[in-house]
Structure formats: C-alpha cells, structure tokens
Protein backbone atom coordinates (compact mmCIF):
# COMPACT_ATOMS: atom_id res chain seq x y z
CA MET A 1 -2.18 5.02 13.48
CA PRO A 2 -4.44 7.65 15.07
CA GLY A 3 -8.15 7.67 14.36
CA PRO A 4 -10.53 4.80 13.76
CA ASP A 5 -9.26 1.31 13.09
CA PRO A 6 -8.59 0.86 9.38
CA LYS A 7 -11.05 -1.37 7.53
CA VAL A 8 -8.24 -3.00 5.54
CA PRO A 9 -5.20 -4.07 7.60
CA ASP A 10 -1.76 -2.74 6.65
CA GLU A 11 -0.61 -6.34 6.15
CA GLN A 12 -3.26 -6.85 3.47
CA ILE A 13 -2.26 -3.68 1.61
CA LEU A 14 1.38 -4.75 1.71
CA GLN A 15 0.49 -8.21 0.45
CA LEU A 16 -1.43 -6.72 -2.48
CA VAL A 17 1.68 -4.72 -3.41
CA ALA A 18 3.98 -7.72 -2.91
CA LEU A 19 1.79 -10.01 -5.05
CA SER A 20 1.32 -7.51 -7.87
CA PRO A 21 2.55 -8.86 -11.22
CA ASP A 22 4.38 -5.55 -11.70
CA PRO A 23 7.22 -4.39 -9.43
CA ILE A 24 5.43 -1.07 -8.87
CA VAL A 25 1.81 -0.14 -8.22
CA THR A 26 -0.25 3.04 -8.16
CA ALA A 27 -2.84 4.13 -5.64
CA GLY A 28 -5.45 3.80 -8.39
CA GLU A 29 -4.62 0.13 -8.94
CA LEU A 30 -4.95 -0.58 -5.22
CA THR A 31 -8.20 1.38 -4.98
CA GLU A 32 -9.71 -0.99 -7.55
CA GLN A 33 -8.80 -3.99 -5.34
CA MET A 34 -9.91 -2.63 -1.96
CA GLU A 35 -13.09 -1.22 -0.49
CA MET A 36 -11.54 2.19 0.11
CA THR A 37 -11.65 5.60 -1.51
CA GLN A 38 -8.71 6.92 -3.51
CA GLN A 39 -8.09 9.46 -0.73
CA GLY A 40 -8.13 6.71 1.89
CA VAL A 41 -5.70 4.59 -0.09
CA ASN A 42 -3.36 7.56 -0.57
CA LYS A 43 -3.31 8.24 3.19
CA ARG A 44 -2.60 4.61 4.00
CA LEU A 45 0.18 4.39 1.39
CA LYS A 46 1.78 7.55 2.79
CA SER A 47 1.69 6.02 6.27
CA LEU A 48 3.29 2.79 5.00
CA VAL A 49 6.04 4.80 3.29
CA GLU A 50 6.69 6.72 6.53
CA ALA A 51 6.88 3.39 8.40
CA GLY A 52 9.50 2.10 5.93
CA TYR A 53 7.32 -0.67 4.48
CA LEU A 54 6.92 0.96 1.07
CA GLU A 55 8.96 3.36 -1.01
CA SER A 56 7.55 5.78 -3.55
CA ARG A 57 8.54 8.12 -6.31
CA LYS A 58 6.70 10.71 -8.34
CA VAL A 59 6.58 10.02 -12.06
CA GLY A 60 5.27 12.41 -14.65
CA GLY A 61 3.20 15.31 -13.40
CA ALA A 62 1.35 14.12 -10.32
CA ALA A 63 1.45 10.32 -10.57
CA ARG A 64 3.19 8.40 -7.81
CA VAL A 65 4.34 4.78 -7.88
CA TYR A 66 4.96 2.52 -4.89
CA TRP A 67 7.05 -0.59 -4.30
CA ILE A 68 7.55 -2.79 -1.27
CA THR A 69 10.70 -2.82 0.88
CA PRO A 70 12.26 -5.90 2.51
CA ALA A 71 10.69 -4.82 5.83
CA GLY A 72 7.32 -4.54 4.08
CA ARG A 73 7.68 -8.05 2.66
CA LYS A 74 8.16 -9.41 6.19
CA VAL A 75 4.96 -7.71 7.35
CA ALA A 76 3.09 -8.83 4.21
CA ALA A 77 3.98 -12.43 5.03
CA THR A 78 1.77 -12.17 8.13
CA ALA A 79 -1.36 -11.15 6.15
CA ASP A 80 -4.44 -13.33 6.28
CA LEU A 81 -6.51 -12.76 3.14
CA ASP A 82 -9.38 -15.13 3.94
C-alpha cells in the first residue's frame, strides 16, 4: 500500500471483521473499535476489498456493508492482537 505504514495492520482489521458477532460489519462499527478516522477506515476497507480479502455491497442510500472472504480469513488468522 503506498504512503505511510498503516497504524493498524490489515490482519487486525480482518480479524475484527472475522470475529464480529454479525456476518457483516460497517465502517462505522470498525471505526469505534480502532484508533482511525472514518475516512481512514473507509480507505483501508476499500483496499482490502480490492485485494480480495473483503467483499462489500451498498445497502440503502449510501451505507455499505462488508464481510470477509475465505482468503481474508486466512490472513486474519495471522493477526497478533496483543
């Protein structure tokens, strides 16, 4: 990913999605759990979708939901949440 190193590793974001009690999550839900802005979370989620680790769909007007793919679950398994 170009630019500065992300504060929160992709593996950690994927693990948060994988461990969610719901099968889908929103950027807002993840923003509450991470030390990132909503805009930062949206950019990271878009990148993870493009990489094939997440899938997404628009619901309603502008809301978007995300869920993890099998490839994303493999990456999430490497996360260290210490």
